[in-house]
Amino acid sequence: MNGDGRLLNGCVYGAEHDAPSAGLLLHGTYAELADGPLDGLLLDIHGWRTEEVDDGVALTTKLPRWPGGRVSYDPRPGEPCTAGPGVIRRFYYFGDTP
């Protein structure tokens, strides 16, 4: 990961990095994005159904391999999901899609 990526750690995906609300909300429920271009960001999954969390996500970013593409993150099968609020799950980088 390059030096710019370290600036993203602890921020919530989709929030402006310099906004006062870029970090965790006390009542929020989050998945940590591990590895890949969004390593260290948190994804707000508050209100998601279990099936939605288990399916993982394809997120838009300015950092994918293909312009306009998405990066995929999935939970590991069998990895436990803890009770929220807070960071309850970890999503791992699966790859880029055009």
Protein backbone atom coordinates (compact mmCIF):
# COMPACT_ATOMS: atom_id res chain seq x y z
CA MET A 1 0.00 0.00 0.00
CA ASN A 2 1.35 3.44 -0.84
CA GLY A 3 1.56 6.31 1.65
CA ASP A 4 -1.72 7.84 0.46
CA GLY A 5 -3.64 4.76 1.54
CA ARG A 6 -2.65 5.23 5.16
CA LEU A 7 -4.67 8.45 5.22
CA LEU A 8 -7.83 6.39 4.70
CA ASN A 9 -7.50 4.20 7.80
CA GLY A 10 -10.31 4.66 10.29
CA CYS A 11 -12.52 6.54 7.83
CA VAL A 12 -15.88 5.38 6.59
CA TYR A 13 -16.23 4.46 2.90
CA GLY A 14 -18.14 7.17 1.05
CA ALA A 15 -17.46 9.90 3.62
CA GLU A 16 -15.26 12.86 2.78
CA HIS A 17 -11.91 12.15 4.44
CA ASP A 18 -11.70 15.62 6.02
CA ALA A 19 -15.35 15.83 7.13
CA PRO A 20 -16.01 15.81 10.88
CA SER A 21 -18.27 12.78 10.40
CA ALA A 22 -15.69 10.73 8.48
CA GLY A 23 -15.10 8.42 11.44
CA LEU A 24 -17.20 5.97 13.41
CA LEU A 25 -20.61 6.86 14.76
CA LEU A 26 -21.31 5.47 18.23
CA HIS A 27 -24.51 3.73 17.12
CA GLY A 28 -23.09 2.53 13.80
CA THR A 29 -22.37 -0.99 12.65
CA TYR A 30 -19.38 -1.47 10.37
CA ALA A 31 -17.38 -3.97 8.36
CA GLU A 32 -13.65 -3.36 8.06
CA LEU A 33 -12.30 -3.56 4.51
CA ALA A 34 -9.10 -5.60 4.50
CA ASP A 35 -6.41 -5.60 1.80
CA GLY A 36 -6.83 -4.14 -1.68
CA PRO A 37 -7.22 -0.47 -2.58
CA LEU A 38 -9.67 0.30 0.25
CA ASP A 39 -7.65 -1.39 3.01
CA GLY A 40 -8.45 0.08 6.40
CA LEU A 41 -11.70 1.81 5.46
CA LEU A 42 -14.88 0.98 7.30
CA LEU A 43 -18.13 0.20 5.50
CA ASP A 44 -21.36 1.23 7.22
CA ILE A 45 -23.55 -1.89 7.28
CA HIS A 46 -26.06 -0.62 9.83
CA GLY A 47 -29.49 -1.97 8.95
CA TRP A 48 -28.22 -4.58 6.48
CA ARG A 49 -29.87 -8.01 6.59
CA THR A 50 -27.65 -11.00 7.39
CA GLU A 51 -27.95 -12.19 3.79
CA GLU A 52 -26.70 -8.83 2.50
CA VAL A 53 -23.68 -8.93 4.80
CA ASP A 54 -22.90 -12.52 3.81
CA ASP A 55 -23.01 -11.62 0.09
CA GLY A 56 -20.20 -9.04 0.33
CA VAL A 57 -20.01 -5.88 -1.78
CA ALA A 58 -18.77 -4.38 -5.04
CA LEU A 59 -17.78 -0.77 -4.34
CA THR A 60 -17.02 2.08 -6.69
CA THR A 61 -13.71 3.83 -6.17
CA LYS A 62 -11.19 5.97 -7.98
CA LEU A 63 -8.60 3.29 -7.23
CA PRO A 64 -9.70 0.19 -9.21
CA ARG A 65 -7.62 -1.56 -11.83
CA TRP A 66 -10.08 -0.52 -14.58
CA PRO A 67 -11.39 3.06 -14.91
CA GLY A 68 -14.99 3.18 -13.77
CA GLY A 69 -14.73 -0.31 -12.30
CA ARG A 70 -15.51 -1.67 -8.89
CA VAL A 71 -13.60 -3.46 -6.18
CA SER A 72 -15.12 -6.56 -4.59
CA TYR A 73 -14.93 -7.40 -0.90
CA ASP A 74 -16.39 -10.54 0.68
CA PRO A 75 -16.50 -12.02 4.18
CA ARG A 76 -14.61 -15.27 4.64
CA PRO A 77 -16.91 -18.27 4.96
CA GLY A 78 -17.20 -19.42 8.55
CA GLU A 79 -15.64 -16.29 10.01
CA PRO A 80 -17.81 -15.18 12.93
CA CYS A 81 -19.82 -11.98 12.93
CA THR A 82 -19.82 -10.30 16.35
CA ALA A 83 -22.73 -8.38 17.83
CA GLY A 84 -22.81 -4.62 17.14
CA PRO A 85 -22.60 -1.71 17.38
CA GLY A 86 -19.04 -1.12 16.25
CA VAL A 87 -16.93 -3.14 13.82
CA ILE A 88 -18.68 -6.50 13.64
CA ARG A 89 -17.28 -8.06 10.47
CA ARG A 90 -14.27 -7.99 8.19
CA PHE A 91 -14.60 -8.01 4.39
CA TYR A 92 -11.55 -9.15 2.43
CA TYR A 93 -10.48 -7.90 -0.99
CA PHE A 94 -11.59 -10.34 -3.66
CA GLY A 95 -10.61 -8.48 -6.83
CA ASP A 96 -11.55 -5.78 -9.34
CA THR A 97 -14.31 -5.87 -11.92
CA PRO A 98 -14.56 -3.70 -15.04
